């Protein structure tokens, strides 16, 4: 399932459970579960009606509550699903442009590669007390001495 776009539910319109499920591309039982989790509905209405603006507000609060901001020295591990410290205190920074780049490290728990985008000027604040190795971004294909061809056959074959 892809991400749900809450703006598909128009603010000034009411939706039944079936309409909202169809609009968002989810099963109707998902919408019913959201109602049990606190999605506001129109009182006394049969069928159950959901106001678009109330859905958007509820969805934004739910999304904000699920955020897991990383403290300094931590990176988010998608396998562990929580912020973790880099293994052995080692982090690699690869610049993407003159200002920003990508921090890469291994998770101390599971060994999965973790990534975090940051500005080069903020490295010391984001990763205090850790050994950050700054590497050069891979050069473009034009700058290489022997650019690789875009075919499987070697020249002359």
Protein backbone atom coordinates (compact mmCIF):
# COMPACT_ATOMS: atom_id res chain seq x y z
CA UNK A 1 0.00 0.00 0.00
CA UNK A 2 1.25 3.48 -0.83
CA UNK A 3 1.01 6.56 1.30
CA UNK A 4 -2.38 8.05 1.89
CA UNK A 5 -2.95 11.58 0.62
CA UNK A 6 -5.39 13.18 3.10
CA UNK A 7 -5.98 16.13 0.75
CA UNK A 8 -8.02 13.84 -1.50
CA UNK A 9 -10.81 14.21 1.06
CA UNK A 10 -12.15 17.65 0.25
CA UNK A 11 -12.54 19.94 3.26
CA UNK A 12 -16.15 21.03 2.76
CA UNK A 13 -17.58 17.65 1.85
CA UNK A 14 -18.83 14.73 3.93
CA UNK A 15 -17.97 11.13 3.10
CA UNK A 16 -19.44 7.77 4.05
CA UNK A 17 -17.07 5.00 5.15
CA UNK A 18 -17.28 3.42 1.70
CA UNK A 19 -16.71 6.71 -0.15
CA UNK A 20 -13.69 7.64 1.96
CA UNK A 21 -12.19 4.16 1.61
CA UNK A 22 -12.65 4.24 -2.16
CA UNK A 23 -11.27 7.78 -2.40
CA UNK A 24 -8.11 6.96 -0.41
CA UNK A 25 -7.60 3.52 -1.95
CA UNK A 26 -7.92 1.60 1.34
CA UNK A 27 -10.27 -1.09 2.58
CA UNK A 28 -13.47 0.04 4.31
CA UNK A 29 -12.37 -1.84 7.43
CA UNK A 30 -9.34 0.48 7.61
CA UNK A 31 -11.67 3.49 7.81
CA UNK A 32 -13.76 1.73 10.46
CA UNK A 33 -10.56 1.05 12.45
CA UNK A 34 -9.65 4.75 12.20
CA UNK A 35 -13.08 5.59 13.63
CA UNK A 36 -12.38 3.27 16.58
CA UNK A 37 -9.00 5.03 16.98
CA UNK A 38 -10.69 8.43 17.25
CA UNK A 39 -11.52 9.70 13.76
CA UNK A 40 -14.40 12.17 14.37
CA UNK A 41 -17.72 11.34 12.72
CA UNK A 42 -20.99 13.22 12.39
CA UNK A 43 -23.13 12.34 15.43
CA UNK A 44 -26.48 10.71 14.86
CA UNK A 45 -26.04 10.31 11.12
CA UNK A 46 -26.82 7.04 9.37
CA UNK A 47 -24.84 6.09 7.38
CA UNK A 48 -21.76 7.20 9.31
CA UNK A 49 -20.46 10.46 7.80
CA UNK A 50 -16.96 11.88 8.04
CA UNK A 51 -16.29 15.57 7.33
CA UNK A 52 -13.28 16.08 5.04
CA UNK A 53 -11.73 18.87 7.13
CA UNK A 54 -12.01 16.80 10.31
CA UNK A 55 -10.37 13.84 8.55
CA UNK A 56 -7.50 16.03 7.35
CA UNK A 57 -6.96 17.47 10.85
CA UNK A 58 -7.12 14.03 12.48
CA UNK A 59 -4.72 12.55 9.91
CA UNK A 60 -2.20 15.40 10.43
CA UNK A 61 -2.26 14.87 14.23
CA UNK A 62 -1.81 11.12 13.74
CA UNK A 63 1.12 11.63 11.36
CA UNK A 64 2.78 14.10 13.75
CA UNK A 65 2.43 11.68 16.68
CA UNK A 66 4.19 8.96 14.69
CA UNK A 67 7.28 11.09 14.02
CA UNK A 68 10.47 9.90 15.69
CA UNK A 69 12.93 12.84 15.61
CA UNK A 70 16.56 11.90 16.05
CA UNK A 71 18.59 13.41 18.87
CA UNK A 72 22.20 14.49 18.21
CA UNK A 73 24.46 11.47 17.67
CA UNK A 74 21.61 9.22 16.49
CA UNK A 75 20.34 8.12 13.08
CA UNK A 76 17.05 6.40 12.25
CA UNK A 77 17.29 2.65 11.56
CA UNK A 78 14.44 1.45 9.35
CA UNK A 79 14.91 -2.18 10.39
CA UNK A 80 14.82 -1.46 14.15
CA UNK A 81 12.24 1.35 13.58
CA UNK A 82 13.84 3.72 16.06
CA UNK A 83 16.81 6.09 16.34
CA UNK A 84 20.07 4.25 17.00
CA UNK A 85 23.71 5.20 17.52
CA UNK A 86 26.18 4.42 14.72
CA UNK A 87 28.25 1.27 15.18
CA UNK A 88 31.77 1.90 16.53
CA UNK A 89 31.03 5.63 16.55
CA UNK A 90 31.99 5.92 12.88
CA UNK A 91 30.03 7.96 10.32
CA UNK A 92 30.79 8.71 6.66
CA UNK A 93 29.69 12.00 5.04
CA UNK A 94 29.31 12.21 1.27
CA UNK A 95 28.53 15.70 -0.06
CA UNK A 96 25.67 15.96 -2.54
CA UNK A 97 26.39 19.59 -3.42
CA UNK A 98 28.35 22.50 -1.94
CA UNK A 99 26.04 22.82 1.08
CA UNK A 100 24.34 19.49 1.89
CA UNK A 101 25.18 15.82 1.90
CA UNK A 102 24.38 12.38 3.27
CA UNK A 103 25.60 10.83 6.52
CA UNK A 104 25.96 7.03 6.35
CA UNK A 105 26.62 4.61 9.19
CA UNK A 106 25.84 1.08 10.34
CA UNK A 107 23.26 0.44 13.05
CA UNK A 108 24.87 -0.69 16.30
CA UNK A 109 22.12 -3.27 16.88
CA UNK A 110 21.34 -4.90 13.54
CA UNK A 111 24.12 -3.72 11.20
CA UNK A 112 21.74 -2.14 8.68
CA UNK A 113 22.98 0.89 6.74
CA UNK A 114 21.44 4.12 8.07
CA UNK A 115 21.28 7.46 6.24
CA UNK A 116 20.65 11.02 7.32
CA UNK A 117 20.69 14.17 5.18
CA UNK A 118 22.37 17.17 6.73
CA UNK A 119 24.20 20.37 5.94
CA UNK A 120 27.98 20.14 5.99
CA UNK A 121 28.11 23.04 8.46
CA UNK A 122 25.85 21.11 10.88
CA UNK A 123 27.88 17.86 11.03
CA UNK A 124 29.49 18.69 14.39
CA UNK A 125 26.11 19.51 15.94
CA UNK A 126 24.36 16.44 14.49
CA UNK A 127 27.09 13.91 15.33
CA UNK A 128 28.93 15.22 18.44
CA UNK A 129 31.81 13.09 19.67
CA UNK A 130 31.73 10.75 16.66
CA UNK A 131 34.41 10.19 14.06
CA UNK A 132 32.99 11.64 10.83
CA UNK A 133 34.96 10.82 7.70
CA UNK A 134 34.26 13.25 4.86
CA UNK A 135 34.57 11.58 1.46
CA UNK A 136 34.29 13.02 -2.00
CA UNK A 137 31.17 12.35 -4.02
CA UNK A 138 31.70 9.98 -6.95
CA UNK A 139 32.75 11.90 -10.02
CA UNK A 140 30.40 12.21 -12.94
CA UNK A 141 30.85 9.91 -15.91
CA UNK A 142 32.32 12.77 -17.97
CA UNK A 143 35.14 13.34 -15.49
CA UNK A 144 36.29 9.70 -15.38
CA UNK A 145 39.32 8.60 -17.37
CA UNK A 146 37.55 5.55 -18.77
CA UNK A 147 33.78 5.99 -18.69
CA UNK A 148 31.91 2.71 -18.78
CA UNK A 149 29.88 2.07 -21.95
CA UNK A 150 26.13 1.71 -21.80
CA UNK A 151 26.16 -1.71 -23.47
CA UNK A 152 27.20 -5.24 -22.58
CA UNK A 153 29.34 -5.80 -25.65
CA UNK A 154 32.99 -4.68 -25.44
CA UNK A 155 34.32 -2.53 -28.30
CA UNK A 156 35.34 -4.46 -31.34
CA UNK A 157 33.13 -7.46 -30.60
